[in-house]
Amino acid sequence: MLTESIERVSQQLGQQLKSKGWTISSAESCTGGGVAFAITSVAGSSEWFKQSFVTYSNDAKQSLLGVRQEILMSFGAVSQQTVEQMASGCALKSQAEIGVSISGIAGPDGGTEDKPVGLVWFGFFINGDISTEKQIFSGDRHQVRLQAIEFALQQTSQRIS
């Protein structure tokens, strides 16, 4: 299930959030709730974890997180613009200081020349500031998803330290 590295960064992130008195929520597509699973695997996580949105479909991204249809039509679900709206919608709907979002192509199918398998976009809403990151991971579907979960946790931890 979880790697030692993911467990370690989840613990670290939890300590950081607890010391700041902040909470976090996640909005996930290709990771299917893996970030939430990693965070809630830490004992005491109810102090800093609010909720998770698994928004695999475009309809769910729109209805649960407020991603605008025009964004999805113009840029696609796997885009900087979409993860920005996912992260902010997640944080605002859950009233958390931090919202982290993930949307990508884990494979083995679904990739294109412009958006290859392994492409994952991340959004980070931290107290009103939004930033994004794009990564292209290698490996099979399981490996891409694990790398995306770990990257999201690590980047969140780095951005709040």
N, C-alpha and C. Protein backbone atom coordinates (compact mmCIF):
# COMPACT_ATOMS: atom_id res chain seq x y z
N MET A 1 0.83 -1.20 0.00
CA MET A 1 0.00 0.00 0.00
C MET A 1 0.87 1.26 0.00
N LEU A 2 1.26 1.73 1.17
CA LEU A 2 2.07 2.93 1.26
C LEU A 2 3.54 2.57 1.39
N THR A 3 4.38 3.37 0.76
CA THR A 3 5.82 3.16 0.90
C THR A 3 6.29 3.81 2.21
N GLU A 4 7.46 3.40 2.65
CA GLU A 4 8.03 4.01 3.87
C GLU A 4 8.22 5.50 3.68
N SER A 5 8.61 5.89 2.50
CA SER A 5 8.83 7.30 2.20
C SER A 5 7.53 8.10 2.30
N ILE A 6 6.44 7.55 1.78
CA ILE A 6 5.15 8.22 1.87
C ILE A 6 4.71 8.31 3.33
N GLU A 7 4.91 7.25 4.09
CA GLU A 7 4.55 7.28 5.50
C GLU A 7 5.35 8.34 6.25
N ARG A 8 6.63 8.43 5.94
CA ARG A 8 7.51 9.39 6.61
C ARG A 8 7.09 10.84 6.30
N VAL A 9 6.83 11.14 5.04
CA VAL A 9 6.45 12.51 4.68
C VAL A 9 5.05 12.84 5.21
N SER A 10 4.17 11.86 5.31
CA SER A 10 2.84 12.09 5.89
C SER A 10 2.96 12.46 7.36
N GLN A 11 3.84 11.77 8.08
CA GLN A 11 4.09 12.09 9.49
C GLN A 11 4.63 13.51 9.63
N GLN A 12 5.61 13.83 8.80
CA GLN A 12 6.24 15.15 8.84
C GLN A 12 5.22 16.26 8.55
N LEU A 13 4.42 16.06 7.51
CA LEU A 13 3.40 17.04 7.15
C LEU A 13 2.41 17.22 8.29
N GLY A 14 2.01 16.12 8.91
CA GLY A 14 1.09 16.20 10.05
C GLY A 14 1.67 17.02 11.19
N GLN A 15 2.94 16.83 11.48
CA GLN A 15 3.59 17.60 12.55
C GLN A 15 3.61 19.08 12.21
N GLN A 16 3.91 19.39 10.96
CA GLN A 16 3.94 20.79 10.54
C GLN A 16 2.56 21.44 10.66
N LEU A 17 1.54 20.73 10.17
CA LEU A 17 0.19 21.27 10.23
C LEU A 17 -0.27 21.46 11.68
N LYS A 18 0.02 20.49 12.50
CA LYS A 18 -0.37 20.56 13.91
C LYS A 18 0.30 21.75 14.60
N SER A 19 1.59 21.95 14.32
CA SER A 19 2.31 23.05 14.97
C SER A 19 1.78 24.41 14.52
N LYS A 20 1.27 24.51 13.31
CA LYS A 20 0.72 25.78 12.81
C LYS A 20 -0.77 25.94 13.14
N GLY A 21 -1.41 24.84 13.54
CA GLY A 21 -2.85 24.89 13.77
C GLY A 21 -3.65 24.96 12.49
N TRP A 22 -3.08 24.43 11.40
CA TRP A 22 -3.72 24.47 10.10
C TRP A 22 -4.36 23.13 9.76
N THR A 23 -5.27 23.19 8.79
CA THR A 23 -5.89 21.96 8.28
C THR A 23 -5.68 21.87 6.78
N ILE A 24 -5.84 20.66 6.27
CA ILE A 24 -5.62 20.37 4.85
C ILE A 24 -6.77 19.51 4.33
N SER A 25 -7.08 19.72 3.07
CA SER A 25 -8.02 18.86 2.35
C SER A 25 -7.40 18.54 1.00
N SER A 26 -7.86 17.47 0.38
CA SER A 26 -7.31 17.08 -0.92
C SER A 26 -8.42 16.92 -1.95
N ALA A 27 -8.05 17.22 -3.19
CA ALA A 27 -8.93 17.02 -4.34
C ALA A 27 -8.14 16.18 -5.33
N GLU A 28 -8.56 14.95 -5.53
CA GLU A 28 -7.76 14.01 -6.31
C GLU A 28 -8.53 13.40 -7.46
N SER A 29 -7.80 13.22 -8.55
CA SER A 29 -8.36 12.53 -9.70
C SER A 29 -7.58 11.23 -9.90
N CYS A 30 -6.44 11.27 -10.56
CA CYS A 30 -5.73 10.04 -10.91
C CYS A 30 -5.23 9.25 -9.71
N THR A 31 -5.08 9.88 -8.55
CA THR A 31 -4.61 9.16 -7.36
C THR A 31 -5.75 8.56 -6.55
N GLY A 32 -6.97 8.86 -6.92
CA GLY A 32 -8.14 8.19 -6.34
C GLY A 32 -8.24 8.22 -4.83
N GLY A 33 -7.77 9.26 -4.18
CA GLY A 33 -7.85 9.35 -2.72
C GLY A 33 -6.60 8.90 -2.02
N GLY A 34 -5.54 8.64 -2.75
CA GLY A 34 -4.29 8.16 -2.15
C GLY A 34 -3.65 9.14 -1.19
N VAL A 35 -3.74 10.44 -1.49
CA VAL A 35 -3.19 11.45 -0.58
C VAL A 35 -3.96 11.43 0.73
N ALA A 36 -5.27 11.37 0.63
CA ALA A 36 -6.10 11.31 1.84
C ALA A 36 -5.80 10.05 2.64
N PHE A 37 -5.63 8.93 1.95
CA PHE A 37 -5.30 7.68 2.63
C PHE A 37 -3.97 7.80 3.37
N ALA A 38 -2.99 8.39 2.71
CA ALA A 38 -1.67 8.54 3.34
C ALA A 38 -1.75 9.44 4.57
N ILE A 39 -2.45 10.55 4.44
CA ILE A 39 -2.55 11.49 5.58
C ILE A 39 -3.30 10.85 6.73
N THR A 40 -4.42 10.18 6.44
CA THR A 40 -5.23 9.60 7.52
C THR A 40 -4.65 8.31 8.06
N SER A 41 -3.56 7.84 7.49
CA SER A 41 -2.85 6.69 8.07
C SER A 41 -2.04 7.11 9.29
N VAL A 42 -1.87 8.41 9.47
CA VAL A 42 -1.13 8.94 10.61
C VAL A 42 -2.07 9.09 11.79
N ALA A 43 -1.70 8.50 12.92
CA ALA A 43 -2.52 8.61 14.13
C ALA A 43 -2.68 10.08 14.51
N GLY A 44 -3.89 10.47 14.85
CA GLY A 44 -4.16 11.85 15.25
C GLY A 44 -4.45 12.78 14.09
N SER A 45 -4.52 12.26 12.88
CA SER A 45 -4.71 13.11 11.70
C SER A 45 -6.03 13.86 11.70
N SER A 46 -6.97 13.46 12.52
CA SER A 46 -8.25 14.18 12.56
C SER A 46 -8.05 15.62 13.05
N GLU A 47 -6.91 15.90 13.66
CA GLU A 47 -6.63 17.27 14.10
C GLU A 47 -6.29 18.19 12.94
N TRP A 48 -5.77 17.64 11.84
CA TRP A 48 -5.32 18.51 10.75
C TRP A 48 -5.89 18.14 9.38
N PHE A 49 -6.60 17.05 9.27
CA PHE A 49 -7.18 16.68 7.99
C PHE A 49 -8.68 16.93 8.01
N LYS A 50 -9.17 17.72 7.02
CA LYS A 50 -10.60 18.03 6.96
C LYS A 50 -11.38 17.02 6.13
N GLN A 51 -11.04 16.91 4.83
CA GLN A 51 -11.79 15.99 3.97
C GLN A 51 -11.07 15.82 2.64
N SER A 52 -11.61 14.88 1.86
CA SER A 52 -11.06 14.60 0.54
C SER A 52 -12.19 14.58 -0.47
N PHE A 53 -11.85 15.06 -1.66
CA PHE A 53 -12.76 14.99 -2.79
C PHE A 53 -12.09 14.12 -3.85
N VAL A 54 -12.69 12.98 -4.17
CA VAL A 54 -12.18 12.17 -5.27
C VAL A 54 -13.05 12.53 -6.46
N THR A 55 -12.49 13.36 -7.34
CA THR A 55 -13.24 13.91 -8.46
C THR A 55 -12.64 13.38 -9.75
N TYR A 56 -12.95 12.15 -10.03
CA TYR A 56 -12.38 11.45 -11.18
C TYR A 56 -12.99 11.95 -12.49
N SER A 57 -14.26 12.25 -12.47
CA SER A 57 -14.93 12.70 -13.69
C SER A 57 -14.94 14.23 -13.77
N ASN A 58 -15.10 14.73 -14.98
CA ASN A 58 -15.21 16.18 -15.15
C ASN A 58 -16.46 16.72 -14.46
N ASP A 59 -17.55 15.95 -14.50
CA ASP A 59 -18.78 16.37 -13.81
C ASP A 59 -18.53 16.56 -12.32
N ALA A 60 -17.78 15.65 -11.71
CA ALA A 60 -17.48 15.76 -10.29
C ALA A 60 -16.59 16.98 -10.02
N LYS A 61 -15.63 17.22 -10.88
CA LYS A 61 -14.77 18.40 -10.72
C LYS A 61 -15.61 19.67 -10.74
N GLN A 62 -16.60 19.70 -11.61
CA GLN A 62 -17.47 20.88 -11.71
C GLN A 62 -18.42 20.99 -10.52
N SER A 63 -19.14 19.92 -10.23
CA SER A 63 -20.19 20.02 -9.21
C SER A 63 -19.65 20.08 -7.78
N LEU A 64 -18.56 19.39 -7.51
CA LEU A 64 -18.03 19.37 -6.14
C LEU A 64 -17.01 20.45 -5.86
N LEU A 65 -16.23 20.83 -6.87
CA LEU A 65 -15.12 21.77 -6.63
C LEU A 65 -15.29 23.11 -7.33
N GLY A 66 -16.27 23.22 -8.20
CA GLY A 66 -16.50 24.48 -8.88
C GLY A 66 -15.58 24.74 -10.06
N VAL A 67 -14.96 23.69 -10.60
CA VAL A 67 -14.15 23.88 -11.80
C VAL A 67 -15.08 24.28 -12.94
N ARG A 68 -14.75 25.35 -13.62
CA ARG A 68 -15.61 25.87 -14.67
C ARG A 68 -15.54 24.99 -15.92
N GLN A 69 -16.69 24.77 -16.53
CA GLN A 69 -16.78 23.95 -17.74
C GLN A 69 -15.88 24.50 -18.84
N GLU A 70 -15.79 25.83 -18.94
CA GLU A 70 -14.95 26.44 -19.98
C GLU A 70 -13.49 26.04 -19.81
N ILE A 71 -13.04 25.93 -18.57
CA ILE A 71 -11.65 25.53 -18.29
C ILE A 71 -11.44 24.10 -18.77
N LEU A 72 -12.37 23.21 -18.42
CA LEU A 72 -12.24 21.81 -18.82
C LEU A 72 -12.30 21.67 -20.34
N MET A 73 -13.16 22.44 -20.98
CA MET A 73 -13.30 22.35 -22.44
C MET A 73 -12.07 22.91 -23.15
N SER A 74 -11.52 24.01 -22.62
CA SER A 74 -10.40 24.68 -23.28
C SER A 74 -9.05 24.02 -23.00
N PHE A 75 -8.85 23.57 -21.76
CA PHE A 75 -7.53 23.09 -21.35
C PHE A 75 -7.49 21.61 -20.99
N GLY A 76 -8.64 21.02 -20.70
CA GLY A 76 -8.72 19.62 -20.32
C GLY A 76 -8.60 19.42 -18.82
N ALA A 77 -8.92 18.22 -18.38
CA ALA A 77 -8.88 17.89 -16.95
C ALA A 77 -7.44 17.86 -16.43
N VAL A 78 -6.51 17.49 -17.29
CA VAL A 78 -5.11 17.42 -16.88
C VAL A 78 -4.43 18.69 -17.37
N SER A 79 -4.54 19.75 -16.55
CA SER A 79 -3.99 21.05 -16.93
C SER A 79 -3.74 21.90 -15.69
N GLN A 80 -2.90 22.88 -15.88
CA GLN A 80 -2.60 23.83 -14.81
C GLN A 80 -3.87 24.55 -14.36
N GLN A 81 -4.66 24.98 -15.31
CA GLN A 81 -5.87 25.74 -14.99
C GLN A 81 -6.86 24.91 -14.17
N THR A 82 -6.98 23.64 -14.52
CA THR A 82 -7.92 22.77 -13.79
C THR A 82 -7.45 22.53 -12.37
N VAL A 83 -6.16 22.21 -12.17
CA VAL A 83 -5.71 21.94 -10.79
C VAL A 83 -5.73 23.19 -9.93
N GLU A 84 -5.58 24.37 -10.53
CA GLU A 84 -5.72 25.61 -9.76
C GLU A 84 -7.13 25.71 -9.20
N GLN A 85 -8.13 25.48 -10.06
CA GLN A 85 -9.51 25.57 -9.60
C GLN A 85 -9.87 24.43 -8.65
N MET A 86 -9.30 23.25 -8.88
CA MET A 86 -9.55 22.13 -7.96
C MET A 86 -9.01 22.45 -6.57
N ALA A 87 -7.79 22.98 -6.50
CA ALA A 87 -7.16 23.26 -5.20
C ALA A 87 -7.91 24.35 -4.45
N SER A 88 -8.27 25.42 -5.15
CA SER A 88 -8.98 26.49 -4.46
C SER A 88 -10.39 26.05 -4.06
N GLY A 89 -11.08 25.34 -4.94
CA GLY A 89 -12.41 24.85 -4.60
C GLY A 89 -12.39 23.91 -3.42
N CYS A 90 -11.39 23.06 -3.39
CA CYS A 90 -11.23 22.10 -2.28
C CYS A 90 -11.04 22.83 -0.95
N ALA A 91 -10.13 23.79 -0.92
CA ALA A 91 -9.84 24.51 0.32
C ALA A 91 -11.05 25.33 0.77
N LEU A 92 -11.66 26.02 -0.17
CA LEU A 92 -12.78 26.88 0.19
C LEU A 92 -14.00 26.08 0.64
N LYS A 93 -14.31 24.99 -0.07
CA LYS A 93 -15.47 24.17 0.32
C LYS A 93 -15.28 23.51 1.68
N SER A 94 -14.04 23.14 2.00
CA SER A 94 -13.79 22.45 3.27
C SER A 94 -13.34 23.39 4.38
N GLN A 95 -13.15 24.66 4.05
CA GLN A 95 -12.68 25.67 5.00
C GLN A 95 -11.35 25.26 5.63
N ALA A 96 -10.44 24.77 4.78
CA ALA A 96 -9.10 24.39 5.22
C ALA A 96 -8.10 25.44 4.74
N GLU A 97 -7.03 25.60 5.48
CA GLU A 97 -5.99 26.53 5.06
C GLU A 97 -5.27 26.04 3.81
N ILE A 98 -5.23 24.72 3.64
CA ILE A 98 -4.51 24.14 2.52
C ILE A 98 -5.42 23.21 1.72
N GLY A 99 -5.35 23.37 0.40
CA GLY A 99 -6.01 22.45 -0.51
C GLY A 99 -4.97 21.98 -1.52
N VAL A 100 -4.81 20.69 -1.64
CA VAL A 100 -3.88 20.13 -2.62
C VAL A 100 -4.69 19.35 -3.65
N SER A 101 -4.36 19.56 -4.93
CA SER A 101 -5.11 18.89 -5.98
C SER A 101 -4.17 18.15 -6.92
N ILE A 102 -4.71 17.09 -7.52
CA ILE A 102 -3.93 16.25 -8.43
C ILE A 102 -4.82 15.82 -9.59
N SER A 103 -4.30 15.98 -10.80
CA SER A 103 -4.99 15.47 -11.97
C SER A 103 -3.93 15.03 -12.98
N GLY A 104 -4.04 13.80 -13.45
CA GLY A 104 -3.00 13.30 -14.34
C GLY A 104 -3.45 12.11 -15.16
N ILE A 105 -2.49 11.58 -15.90
CA ILE A 105 -2.73 10.42 -16.75
C ILE A 105 -1.82 9.30 -16.25
N ALA A 106 -2.40 8.42 -15.45
CA ALA A 106 -1.61 7.35 -14.83
C ALA A 106 -1.36 6.18 -15.79
N GLY A 107 -2.17 6.07 -16.83
CA GLY A 107 -1.96 5.00 -17.80
C GLY A 107 -2.71 3.73 -17.45
N PRO A 108 -2.53 2.70 -18.20
CA PRO A 108 -1.59 2.60 -19.32
C PRO A 108 -2.07 3.30 -20.58
N ASP A 109 -3.37 3.66 -20.64
CA ASP A 109 -3.94 4.33 -21.81
C ASP A 109 -4.22 5.78 -21.47
N GLY A 110 -4.68 6.52 -22.46
CA GLY A 110 -5.15 7.88 -22.24
C GLY A 110 -4.15 8.96 -22.59
N GLY A 111 -2.91 8.58 -22.85
CA GLY A 111 -1.90 9.58 -23.17
C GLY A 111 -1.98 10.03 -24.62
N THR A 112 -1.47 11.24 -24.86
CA THR A 112 -1.35 11.78 -26.21
C THR A 112 0.06 12.34 -26.35
N GLU A 113 0.38 12.84 -27.52
CA GLU A 113 1.69 13.44 -27.72
C GLU A 113 1.88 14.66 -26.82
N ASP A 114 0.84 15.47 -26.67
CA ASP A 114 0.89 16.66 -25.82
C ASP A 114 0.79 16.34 -24.34
N LYS A 115 0.04 15.28 -24.04
CA LYS A 115 -0.18 14.89 -22.65
C LYS A 115 0.10 13.39 -22.52
N PRO A 116 1.38 13.04 -22.31
CA PRO A 116 1.74 11.62 -22.28
C PRO A 116 1.33 10.93 -20.97
N VAL A 117 1.28 9.62 -21.03
CA VAL A 117 1.08 8.84 -19.81
C VAL A 117 2.20 9.21 -18.84
N GLY A 118 1.83 9.43 -17.59
CA GLY A 118 2.79 9.83 -16.57
C GLY A 118 2.74 11.32 -16.25
N LEU A 119 2.04 12.10 -17.10
CA LEU A 119 1.90 13.53 -16.85
C LEU A 119 0.92 13.76 -15.71
N VAL A 120 1.36 14.51 -14.71
CA VAL A 120 0.49 14.82 -13.57
C VAL A 120 0.66 16.30 -13.22
N TRP A 121 -0.44 16.99 -13.07
CA TRP A 121 -0.46 18.38 -12.61
C TRP A 121 -0.89 18.41 -11.14
N PHE A 122 -0.28 19.30 -10.39
CA PHE A 122 -0.55 19.47 -8.96
C PHE A 122 -0.91 20.93 -8.69
N GLY A 123 -1.90 21.14 -7.85
CA GLY A 123 -2.27 22.48 -7.42
C GLY A 123 -2.14 22.58 -5.91
N PHE A 124 -1.66 23.74 -5.46
CA PHE A 124 -1.47 23.97 -4.02
C PHE A 124 -2.09 25.31 -3.65
N PHE A 125 -3.13 25.26 -2.85
CA PHE A 125 -3.77 26.45 -2.31
C PHE A 125 -3.32 26.53 -0.85
N ILE A 126 -2.58 27.57 -0.52
CA ILE A 126 -2.08 27.71 0.85
C ILE A 126 -2.41 29.11 1.33
N ASN A 127 -3.40 29.19 2.21
CA ASN A 127 -3.86 30.47 2.75
C ASN A 127 -4.09 31.51 1.67
N GLY A 128 -4.76 31.12 0.61
CA GLY A 128 -5.12 32.06 -0.44
C GLY A 128 -4.15 32.15 -1.60
N ASP A 129 -2.95 31.65 -1.44
CA ASP A 129 -1.97 31.66 -2.52
C ASP A 129 -2.05 30.34 -3.29
N ILE A 130 -2.08 30.44 -4.61
CA ILE A 130 -2.16 29.23 -5.44
C ILE A 130 -0.90 29.10 -6.27
N SER A 131 -0.34 27.89 -6.26
CA SER A 131 0.79 27.58 -7.12
C SER A 131 0.55 26.20 -7.73
N THR A 132 1.27 25.92 -8.80
CA THR A 132 1.10 24.63 -9.48
C THR A 132 2.45 24.04 -9.83
N GLU A 133 2.46 22.76 -10.08
CA GLU A 133 3.65 22.04 -10.52
C GLU A 133 3.21 20.99 -11.54
N LYS A 134 4.07 20.73 -12.48
CA LYS A 134 3.82 19.67 -13.47
C LYS A 134 4.98 18.69 -13.39
N GLN A 135 4.64 17.42 -13.40
CA GLN A 135 5.65 16.37 -13.39
C GLN A 135 5.29 15.32 -14.44
N ILE A 136 6.31 14.66 -14.94
CA ILE A 136 6.09 13.49 -15.80
C ILE A 136 6.82 12.33 -15.14
N PHE A 137 6.05 11.40 -14.64
CA PHE A 137 6.59 10.24 -13.94
C PHE A 137 6.69 9.06 -14.90
N SER A 138 7.59 8.15 -14.59
CA SER A 138 7.71 6.95 -15.41
C SER A 138 7.28 5.74 -14.61
N GLY A 139 7.03 4.66 -15.31
CA GLY A 139 6.60 3.42 -14.65
C GLY A 139 5.19 3.06 -15.04
N ASP A 140 4.69 2.00 -14.40
CA ASP A 140 3.33 1.57 -14.68
C ASP A 140 2.33 2.42 -13.89
N ARG A 141 1.07 2.12 -14.06
CA ARG A 141 -0.01 2.89 -13.42
C ARG A 141 0.19 3.01 -11.91
N HIS A 142 0.49 1.91 -11.27
CA HIS A 142 0.68 1.90 -9.81
C HIS A 142 1.86 2.79 -9.42
N GLN A 143 2.95 2.68 -10.15
CA GLN A 143 4.14 3.47 -9.83
C GLN A 143 3.89 4.97 -10.05
N VAL A 144 3.20 5.33 -11.12
CA VAL A 144 2.88 6.74 -11.38
C VAL A 144 2.03 7.29 -10.24
N ARG A 145 1.04 6.53 -9.81
CA ARG A 145 0.16 7.00 -8.73
C ARG A 145 0.92 7.17 -7.42
N LEU A 146 1.79 6.20 -7.08
CA LEU A 146 2.57 6.33 -5.85
C LEU A 146 3.52 7.53 -5.90
N GLN A 147 4.15 7.74 -7.04
CA GLN A 147 5.04 8.89 -7.19
C GLN A 147 4.27 10.20 -7.06
N ALA A 148 3.07 10.24 -7.61
CA ALA A 148 2.24 11.44 -7.53
C ALA A 148 1.82 11.73 -6.09
N ILE A 149 1.45 10.70 -5.36
CA ILE A 149 1.06 10.87 -3.95
C ILE A 149 2.24 11.42 -3.15
N GLU A 150 3.39 10.80 -3.32
CA GLU A 150 4.57 11.24 -2.57
C GLU A 150 4.96 12.67 -2.95
N PHE A 151 4.93 12.99 -4.23
CA PHE A 151 5.28 14.33 -4.68
C PHE A 151 4.34 15.37 -4.08
N ALA A 152 3.04 15.09 -4.09
CA ALA A 152 2.06 16.03 -3.54
C ALA A 152 2.33 16.29 -2.07
N LEU A 153 2.60 15.25 -1.32
CA LEU A 153 2.87 15.39 0.12
C LEU A 153 4.17 16.15 0.36
N GLN A 154 5.22 15.80 -0.37
CA GLN A 154 6.51 16.46 -0.21
C GLN A 154 6.42 17.94 -0.55
N GLN A 155 5.78 18.26 -1.67
CA GLN A 155 5.67 19.65 -2.09
C GLN A 155 4.83 20.47 -1.10
N THR A 156 3.78 19.87 -0.57
CA THR A 156 2.98 20.58 0.42
C THR A 156 3.82 20.87 1.65
N SER A 157 4.56 19.88 2.11
CA SER A 157 5.42 20.05 3.27
C SER A 157 6.46 21.15 3.04
N GLN A 158 7.09 21.14 1.89
CA GLN A 158 8.10 22.15 1.57
C GLN A 158 7.50 23.55 1.50
N ARG A 159 6.30 23.66 0.97
CA ARG A 159 5.69 24.96 0.77
C ARG A 159 5.19 25.60 2.08
N ILE A 160 5.00 24.79 3.12
CA ILE A 160 4.54 25.37 4.38
C ILE A 160 5.64 25.45 5.43
N SER A 161 6.84 24.98 5.10
CA SER A 161 7.91 25.01 6.10
C SER A 161 8.51 26.38 6.24
